[in-house]
């Protein structure tokens, strides 16, 4: 029974890592979009 629990914990850890990695990539993408928007606004304001 404990082998089954250990196996489930490993699978859950892998799943959590995949989700965290995906969240991290989404965050980086969103931050790059915000950076681009700020740069565009700076150009617009300085005209």
Protein backbone atom coordinates (compact mmCIF):
# COMPACT_ATOMS: atom_id res chain seq x y z
CA UNK A 1 0.00 0.00 0.00
CA UNK A 2 2.79 2.44 0.82
CA UNK A 3 4.32 1.76 -2.60
CA UNK A 4 1.07 2.92 -4.18
CA UNK A 5 1.07 6.08 -2.07
CA UNK A 6 4.68 6.82 -3.01
CA UNK A 7 3.85 6.33 -6.67
CA UNK A 8 0.89 8.71 -6.37
CA UNK A 9 3.05 11.31 -4.63
CA UNK A 10 5.65 11.16 -7.40
CA UNK A 11 2.96 11.54 -10.06
CA UNK A 12 1.42 14.47 -8.18
CA UNK A 13 4.83 16.11 -7.83
CA UNK A 14 5.43 15.72 -11.57
CA UNK A 15 2.00 17.16 -12.31
CA UNK A 16 2.60 20.11 -9.97
CA UNK A 17 5.97 20.78 -11.58
CA UNK A 18 4.40 20.80 -15.05
CA UNK A 19 1.71 23.22 -13.84
CA UNK A 20 4.27 25.47 -12.16
CA UNK A 21 6.43 25.49 -15.28
CA UNK A 22 3.41 26.36 -17.40
CA UNK A 23 2.42 29.12 -14.98
CA UNK A 24 5.97 30.48 -15.09
CA UNK A 25 5.99 30.54 -18.90
CA UNK A 26 2.58 32.25 -18.92
CA UNK A 27 3.86 34.84 -16.45
CA UNK A 28 6.96 35.56 -18.55
CA UNK A 29 4.78 35.92 -21.65
CA UNK A 30 2.43 38.31 -19.86
CA UNK A 31 5.33 40.36 -18.48
CA UNK A 32 6.79 40.68 -21.98
CA UNK A 33 3.42 41.90 -23.25
CA UNK A 34 3.29 44.48 -20.46
CA UNK A 35 6.85 45.57 -21.26
CA UNK A 36 5.90 46.08 -24.91
CA UNK A 37 2.81 48.05 -23.95
CA UNK A 38 4.81 50.31 -21.64
CA UNK A 39 7.41 50.92 -24.36
CA UNK A 40 4.65 51.86 -26.81
CA UNK A 41 3.06 54.21 -24.29
CA UNK A 42 6.43 55.85 -23.61
CA UNK A 43 6.87 56.49 -27.32
CA UNK A 44 3.35 57.90 -27.60
CA UNK A 45 3.80 60.21 -24.60
CA UNK A 46 7.18 61.52 -25.74
CA UNK A 47 5.85 62.64 -29.14
